[in-house]
Every structure is written in structure tokens, then in C-alpha cells.
């Protein structure tokens, strides 16, 4: 399951960062990069991998004026009238630069945080924010606290210490996490990354890796998830022999959160060694199909499969 909602206190694992949009760059036609700056970002932790963070959007009527802070901030916010509640969306830290040049600053450097977001039709507040935001816009990030002594949470790429091969699979919403994982994996890692993007023109978004074959395919009008699930099936056949099929519980992705990252009590992977570690994220129904194929059909140890339903097709963004 995904972790419990964090506190936003400066002394908590996750905290609020009041930031400003310093730059906006279209990396590909479907992926837009927002660079955030702010005095407190020096305390923004960067453990890498698929670190989840939250973008807190301005409330329709009051912006951030009534956003609570400290313990139980979320509970207190949900008691506010709807027009004063800040919508919250989940993204991935793409990169952090603690010593980026700052010609106008007193020290000559500043901390910058890059967050990549998908550009699509404005169905909800996050999509509108991505399309309408300009340089100089203020925002709030809820991210890991560098001052926290311990694991702040929010990282779900947790492979066993000895992993022979990796299988990464996801759609455009998982592309920033896969890109960061590819950058953080050692050069000795081996495997395949399968990514479904809206268009072939988005293929350059994913970085290369000396030992991971990166297969990026544009959807180009096909049903969402079709390219991804096919690609993961082919990659699994190449990477891992068929094992003993295991039963997996069926999850109603329209009612339940599809999210499972096998861990032991201390937070590491439940296994010490595996032939194949699969990390799958994206549209929930597609992730469910991939999980069923890997565990129930190919017999891959379910403790070696992390799966996360980032969103559900047909569900309007609130």
C-alpha cells in the first residue's frame, strides 16, 4: 500500500516548500519540465529513484491563504469549505541541483528542483495548471525533508540487494520515475524498460543506459495501455523463464487503490536475491493486467513485483 499521508511540519519526514516557478521547458511534445526555486529548498531531500512528491495547487477562491501547516494539516484542510481546499497531485522528483548558478543571489548559487509533468487536455485543476502556469508563479511542494534523520518515505523502487535483471514498465505518467531510475541504476545493471508514450515524438524523453534496453513506443491512437502491456509480455519472456504460477487477488481498480511494494519490516525488499525484479506503474487497469501476467501466468515471485496504479482511465480528475 502507499504510505500514510505525511505531516507538513518542518520537523517531519515530509514538509511544505513554498516555491516559485523559475523556468518552464517542453522536453518533448507531451512532457513539460517545471524548475522550482525557493529559499527552503536547501532542505529538500533527494534520495533519487522514483521519489514521490506532492504539488499543492491553489484553492479556487483563496489560493494558499488558508492552507494549514503542521500536524494534521490535511484533516484541517478537508474541514474547510470546498472552494478553500487546495487540490493535491502526485509527481516525481526529476532532479535536484543544490548549487545551481544564481547570478542575482548573494551567494551566487541556489537550489533548483525539476518536476516533469504530462501535457494533456485540461480535464482538471492539475492539467490546467500545467497549461496555464508561467515563470514567476508561486506554488507549494510537499516533499522529503533533508533535515529528517531517517527514511522519509515515498520511494517504491526497492529491488533485492542481488538482482540479476530488471523489468521497468510504465506509461507517460511513470516516465519521469523510470527516467530517474535509469539514471540512478549502476552501469552493471541489466534488463529492459518498456515505456508507452502518447507519440513517437516523445521517445527522446527517456535516457539511455549501458545495460538496460529502453523500448519507447508511441501510442499513436491505440487504446491506452495496449502498447505497454504487449511490450511487458514480450520483455518478460526474454528476461525470465516461466515459474510456478501464483494466485493474486483481483482488485477492483474503480474502487480500490492498486498499489503494492513488497518490503520487509525495515523497509527493504522482501527478498535478498531475485532473477528478475519488475517495477510497473501507470494506468491502474493496465498495471493490473501486467501484474496478472507476470505473477499468475509466468510465475514470477510476487515478492519481486512492485506495482502502482498511478491513475484510472475514465475517472475525471477532481
Protein backbone atom coordinates (compact mmCIF):
# COMPACT_ATOMS: atom_id res chain seq x y z
CA UNK A 1 0.00 0.00 0.00
CA UNK A 2 1.06 3.59 -0.43
CA UNK A 3 2.30 5.28 2.75
CA UNK A 4 0.03 7.28 5.02
CA UNK A 5 -0.40 10.97 4.34
CA UNK A 6 2.58 12.80 5.86
CA UNK A 7 2.69 15.75 8.17
CA UNK A 8 3.85 19.03 6.67
CA UNK A 9 5.84 20.19 9.70
CA UNK A 10 9.49 21.26 9.15
CA UNK A 11 10.43 18.58 11.70
CA UNK A 12 8.57 15.79 9.87
CA UNK A 13 9.74 13.38 7.11
CA UNK A 14 7.80 15.46 4.55
CA UNK A 15 7.33 19.21 4.72
CA UNK A 16 5.93 22.10 2.70
CA UNK A 17 8.22 24.10 0.44
CA UNK A 18 6.93 27.46 -0.79
CA UNK A 19 8.49 27.85 -4.22
CA UNK A 20 8.47 29.89 -7.41
CA UNK A 21 8.49 28.63 -10.99
CA UNK A 22 11.87 29.75 -12.36
CA UNK A 23 11.75 28.03 -15.77
CA UNK A 24 9.43 26.01 -18.00
CA UNK A 25 10.78 23.76 -20.73
CA UNK A 26 8.98 21.41 -23.11
CA UNK A 27 11.30 18.40 -23.12
CA UNK A 28 9.07 16.64 -25.68
CA UNK A 29 5.59 17.44 -27.05
CA UNK A 30 3.94 15.66 -24.10
CA UNK A 31 6.41 16.30 -21.25
CA UNK A 32 6.83 19.75 -19.70
CA UNK A 33 9.55 20.46 -17.13
CA UNK A 34 8.98 22.95 -14.33
CA UNK A 35 12.02 24.23 -12.45
CA UNK A 36 11.23 25.44 -8.94
CA UNK A 37 13.34 27.68 -6.72
CA UNK A 38 12.89 28.76 -3.11
CA UNK A 39 14.95 29.60 -0.05
CA UNK A 40 13.84 26.47 1.83
CA UNK A 41 14.74 24.06 -0.98
CA UNK A 42 18.19 23.64 0.54
CA UNK A 43 16.30 21.32 2.92
CA UNK A 44 14.63 19.35 0.09
CA UNK A 45 15.95 15.76 0.18
CA UNK A 46 16.89 13.93 -2.99
CA UNK A 47 17.20 10.17 -2.39
CA UNK A 48 16.68 9.53 -6.10
CA UNK A 49 14.86 6.64 -7.76
CA UNK A 50 11.09 7.17 -8.02
CA UNK A 51 10.72 9.65 -5.15
CA UNK A 52 7.09 10.70 -4.91
CA UNK A 53 6.20 14.27 -4.02
CA UNK A 54 3.04 16.37 -3.99
CA UNK A 55 2.24 19.54 -5.87
CA UNK A 56 -0.26 21.54 -3.84
CA UNK A 57 -2.38 23.61 -6.20
CA UNK A 58 -4.02 26.91 -5.21
CA UNK A 59 -7.56 26.72 -3.86
CA UNK A 60 -10.18 28.08 -6.27
CA UNK A 61 -11.20 31.01 -4.04
CA UNK A 62 -8.28 31.72 -1.73
CA UNK A 63 -5.10 30.37 -3.29
CA UNK A 64 -2.79 29.28 -0.46
CA UNK A 65 -4.09 31.79 2.10
CA UNK A 66 -5.96 29.13 4.11
CA UNK A 67 -3.61 26.17 3.59
CA UNK A 68 -2.95 24.74 7.08
CA UNK A 69 0.54 23.75 8.21
CA UNK A 70 1.98 21.45 10.85
CA UNK A 71 0.43 18.28 12.22
CA UNK A 72 -2.91 17.13 10.78
CA UNK A 73 -2.78 19.82 8.11
CA UNK A 74 -4.71 17.61 5.72
CA UNK A 75 -7.53 16.87 8.14
CA UNK A 76 -7.89 20.54 8.92
CA UNK A 77 -7.87 21.47 5.23
CA UNK A 78 -10.62 18.96 4.44
CA UNK A 79 -12.84 20.68 7.00
CA UNK A 80 -12.64 23.93 5.03
CA UNK A 81 -15.33 24.86 2.51
CA UNK A 82 -14.57 23.23 -0.85
CA UNK A 83 -13.62 26.50 -2.51
CA UNK A 84 -10.80 26.94 0.03
CA UNK A 85 -9.35 23.42 -0.26
CA UNK A 86 -6.14 23.08 -2.24
CA UNK A 87 -6.15 20.27 -4.82
CA UNK A 88 -3.14 17.96 -4.45
CA UNK A 89 -1.46 15.87 -7.15
CA UNK A 90 1.43 13.40 -7.04
CA UNK A 91 4.58 13.72 -9.16
CA UNK A 92 8.19 12.52 -9.16
CA UNK A 93 11.33 14.47 -8.37
CA UNK A 94 13.19 14.52 -11.68
CA UNK A 95 16.35 16.20 -10.43
CA UNK A 96 17.72 18.48 -7.71
CA UNK A 97 20.66 20.89 -8.04
CA UNK A 98 21.84 22.27 -4.73
CA UNK A 99 24.48 24.54 -6.28
CA UNK A 100 22.78 25.85 -9.43
CA UNK A 101 24.11 29.24 -10.60
CA UNK A 102 22.21 32.24 -9.29
CA UNK A 103 23.79 35.41 -10.70
CA UNK A 104 21.39 37.67 -8.82
CA UNK A 105 21.76 36.00 -5.44
CA UNK A 106 24.04 36.95 -2.58
CA UNK A 107 25.85 33.58 -2.60
CA UNK A 108 25.88 33.06 -6.38
CA UNK A 109 24.11 29.71 -6.11
CA UNK A 110 20.62 28.41 -5.39
CA UNK A 111 18.77 25.10 -5.12
CA UNK A 112 16.63 24.08 -8.10
CA UNK A 113 14.12 21.23 -8.26
CA UNK A 114 12.88 19.89 -11.60
CA UNK A 115 9.49 18.21 -11.85
CA UNK A 116 8.24 16.87 -15.19
CA UNK A 117 4.52 16.79 -15.92
CA UNK A 118 2.38 15.40 -18.74
CA UNK A 119 0.73 17.93 -21.05
CA UNK A 120 -2.82 16.91 -21.95
CA UNK A 121 -6.31 18.30 -22.31
CA UNK A 122 -7.39 20.36 -19.28
CA UNK A 123 -9.77 17.94 -17.59
CA UNK A 124 -8.99 19.11 -14.06
CA UNK A 125 -7.04 21.61 -11.96
CA UNK A 126 -3.62 19.96 -12.41
CA UNK A 127 -3.91 19.77 -16.19
CA UNK A 128 -5.00 23.42 -16.29
CA UNK A 129 -2.10 24.37 -14.03
CA UNK A 130 0.38 22.66 -16.36
CA UNK A 131 -1.03 24.52 -19.36
CA UNK A 132 -1.54 27.95 -17.79
CA UNK A 133 1.38 28.41 -15.38
CA UNK A 134 4.05 30.93 -16.31
CA UNK A 135 7.50 31.75 -14.97
CA UNK A 136 7.18 33.64 -11.69
CA UNK A 137 4.12 31.73 -10.49
CA UNK A 138 4.17 30.76 -6.82
CA UNK A 139 3.46 27.17 -5.79
CA UNK A 140 3.77 24.75 -2.88
CA UNK A 141 5.58 21.42 -2.94
CA UNK A 142 5.19 18.73 -0.29
CA UNK A 143 8.48 16.88 -0.40
CA UNK A 144 11.01 14.90 1.63
CA UNK A 145 12.79 16.75 4.40
CA UNK A 146 16.59 16.74 4.22
CA UNK A 147 16.71 17.54 7.94
CA UNK A 148 14.84 14.34 8.80
CA UNK A 149 17.13 11.72 10.31
CA UNK A 150 15.97 8.57 8.56
CA UNK A 151 13.97 7.36 5.59
CA UNK A 152 11.36 9.97 4.70
CA UNK A 153 9.40 7.52 2.54
CA UNK A 154 7.95 7.91 -0.93
CA UNK A 155 10.45 5.67 -2.76
CA UNK A 156 8.90 2.49 -4.16
CA UNK A 157 11.79 1.19 -6.26
CA UNK A 158 13.12 -1.31 -3.72
CA UNK A 159 14.86 -4.20 -5.52
CA UNK A 160 16.62 -7.04 -3.67
CA UNK A 161 20.32 -6.49 -2.98
CA UNK A 162 21.16 -9.04 -5.68
CA UNK A 163 19.00 -8.57 -8.78
CA UNK A 164 20.09 -10.25 -11.98
CA UNK A 165 17.73 -8.40 -14.33
CA UNK A 166 15.27 -5.52 -14.17
CA UNK A 167 11.96 -5.04 -15.96
CA UNK A 168 10.61 -1.48 -15.81
CA UNK A 169 7.20 -0.74 -17.31
CA UNK A 170 5.03 2.35 -17.39
CA UNK A 171 3.11 4.94 -19.38
CA UNK A 172 3.82 8.66 -19.67
CA UNK A 173 2.77 9.30 -16.06
CA UNK A 174 5.51 6.89 -14.93
CA UNK A 175 8.08 8.12 -17.46
CA UNK A 176 9.75 10.65 -15.07
CA UNK A 177 10.21 7.92 -12.44
CA UNK A 178 11.58 5.45 -15.00
CA UNK A 179 13.92 8.12 -16.36
CA UNK A 180 15.31 8.82 -12.89
CA UNK A 181 15.65 5.09 -12.12
CA UNK A 182 17.62 4.59 -15.33
CA UNK A 183 19.95 7.42 -14.34
CA UNK A 184 20.43 6.04 -10.83
CA UNK A 185 20.96 2.36 -11.69
CA UNK A 186 24.63 1.30 -11.88
CA UNK A 187 26.13 0.67 -15.29
CA UNK A 188 26.32 -3.04 -14.44
CA UNK A 189 22.51 -3.36 -14.25
CA UNK A 190 20.84 -5.43 -16.97
CA UNK A 191 17.27 -5.58 -18.21
CA UNK A 192 14.56 -3.89 -20.25
CA UNK A 193 12.48 -0.74 -19.79
CA UNK A 194 9.17 -0.61 -21.66
CA UNK A 195 7.50 2.80 -21.85
CA UNK A 196 4.30 3.79 -23.64
CA UNK A 197 4.19 7.47 -24.57
CA UNK A 198 1.45 9.43 -26.35
CA UNK A 199 3.54 9.81 -29.51
CA UNK A 200 6.75 8.52 -31.07
CA UNK A 201 7.94 12.13 -30.85
CA UNK A 202 8.13 11.66 -27.06
CA UNK A 203 10.70 8.84 -27.30
CA UNK A 204 13.71 11.13 -26.66
CA UNK A 205 12.39 11.84 -23.16
CA UNK A 206 13.85 8.59 -21.81
CA UNK A 207 17.63 8.47 -21.19
CA UNK A 208 19.79 5.60 -22.34
CA UNK A 209 21.53 3.08 -20.07
CA UNK A 210 24.50 0.86 -20.97
CA UNK A 211 22.85 -2.31 -19.68
CA UNK A 212 19.12 -1.60 -19.88
CA UNK A 213 17.42 -1.76 -23.28
CA UNK A 214 15.00 1.17 -23.36
CA UNK A 215 11.98 0.49 -25.57
CA UNK A 216 9.77 3.54 -26.03
CA UNK A 217 6.71 3.32 -28.27
CA UNK A 218 4.15 5.97 -29.11
CA UNK A 219 0.50 5.10 -28.60
CA UNK A 220 -0.43 6.95 -31.80
CA UNK A 221 -4.17 6.45 -31.35
CA UNK A 222 -4.18 2.91 -29.93
CA UNK A 223 -6.02 2.17 -26.69
CA UNK A 224 -4.21 3.39 -23.58
CA UNK A 225 -2.10 0.60 -22.10
CA UNK A 226 -2.24 -1.71 -25.12
CA UNK A 227 1.30 -0.96 -26.28
CA UNK A 228 2.63 -1.15 -22.73
CA UNK A 229 1.07 -4.49 -21.78
CA UNK A 230 2.21 -6.09 -25.03
CA UNK A 231 5.73 -4.79 -24.55
CA UNK A 232 5.94 -6.05 -20.97
CA UNK A 233 4.77 -9.52 -22.06
CA UNK A 234 7.50 -9.74 -24.68
CA UNK A 235 10.17 -8.44 -22.32
CA UNK A 236 9.18 -10.90 -19.58
CA UNK A 237 9.52 -13.81 -22.00
CA UNK A 238 13.03 -12.66 -22.88
CA UNK A 239 14.19 -11.95 -19.34
CA UNK A 240 12.84 -14.73 -17.18
CA UNK A 241 11.89 -18.41 -17.57
CA UNK A 242 8.38 -19.47 -16.66
CA UNK A 243 8.00 -20.39 -12.98
CA UNK A 244 5.18 -21.69 -10.83
CA UNK A 245 2.02 -19.60 -11.31
CA UNK A 246 0.75 -17.91 -8.15
CA UNK A 247 -2.69 -16.64 -7.28
CA UNK A 248 -3.14 -12.91 -6.93
CA UNK A 249 -6.17 -11.22 -5.50
CA UNK A 250 -8.31 -9.40 -8.03
CA UNK A 251 -8.56 -5.70 -7.29
CA UNK A 252 -11.43 -3.53 -8.48
CA UNK A 253 -9.42 -0.60 -9.78
CA UNK A 254 -12.53 1.57 -9.88
CA UNK A 255 -12.99 1.19 -6.14
CA UNK A 256 -9.63 0.26 -4.62
CA UNK A 257 -6.08 1.56 -4.79
CA UNK A 258 -3.85 -0.74 -6.83
CA UNK A 259 -0.53 -0.38 -5.05
CA UNK A 260 1.85 -2.95 -3.59
CA UNK A 261 5.59 -2.72 -2.97
CA UNK A 262 6.93 -5.88 -1.27
CA UNK A 263 9.10 -4.93 1.71
CA UNK A 264 10.34 -6.44 4.92
CA UNK A 265 9.76 -4.84 8.33
CA UNK A 266 12.74 -2.48 7.98
CA UNK A 267 11.64 -1.19 4.59
CA UNK A 268 13.93 -3.13 2.23
CA UNK A 269 12.83 -5.70 -0.33
CA UNK A 270 11.23 -8.87 0.98
CA UNK A 271 13.83 -10.95 -0.91
CA UNK A 272 17.63 -10.91 -0.73
CA UNK A 273 18.11 -12.19 -4.26
CA UNK A 274 15.98 -12.47 -7.41
CA UNK A 275 16.38 -13.38 -11.06
CA UNK A 276 14.00 -10.61 -12.14
CA UNK A 277 12.69 -7.52 -10.36
CA UNK A 278 9.71 -5.85 -12.02
CA UNK A 279 8.60 -2.27 -11.34
CA UNK A 280 5.28 -1.42 -13.02
CA UNK A 281 3.38 1.88 -12.83
CA UNK A 282 0.79 3.84 -14.75
CA UNK A 283 -2.90 3.46 -15.57
CA UNK A 284 -4.40 1.10 -13.00
CA UNK A 285 -6.16 -1.35 -15.33
CA UNK A 286 -3.02 -1.77 -17.45
CA UNK A 287 -0.90 -2.30 -14.33
CA UNK A 288 -3.36 -4.91 -13.09
CA UNK A 289 -3.10 -6.76 -16.42
CA UNK A 290 0.72 -6.72 -16.33
CA UNK A 291 0.81 -7.91 -12.73
CA UNK A 292 -1.58 -10.77 -13.51
CA UNK A 293 0.57 -11.87 -16.44
CA UNK A 294 3.85 -11.79 -14.52
CA UNK A 295 2.64 -13.48 -11.33
CA UNK A 296 -0.35 -15.63 -12.32
CA UNK A 297 0.74 -16.66 -15.81
CA UNK A 298 4.55 -16.55 -15.87
CA UNK A 299 5.03 -17.49 -12.22
CA UNK A 300 7.36 -14.66 -11.24
CA UNK A 301 7.67 -14.45 -7.46
CA UNK A 302 5.15 -11.82 -6.37
CA UNK A 303 7.73 -10.53 -3.88
CA UNK A 304 9.76 -9.44 -6.92
CA UNK A 305 6.97 -7.39 -8.48
CA UNK A 306 6.20 -3.81 -7.40
CA UNK A 307 3.07 -2.37 -8.97
CA UNK A 308 1.47 1.05 -8.65
CA UNK A 309 -1.74 2.32 -10.21
CA UNK A 310 -0.95 5.99 -10.64
CA UNK A 311 -4.33 6.86 -12.18
CA UNK A 312 -7.52 5.32 -13.57
CA UNK A 313 -8.76 5.93 -17.10
CA UNK A 314 -12.29 7.28 -17.20
CA UNK A 315 -12.07 8.81 -13.75
CA UNK A 316 -12.28 12.57 -14.02
CA UNK A 317 -9.58 14.46 -12.16
CA UNK A 318 -11.18 16.21 -9.22
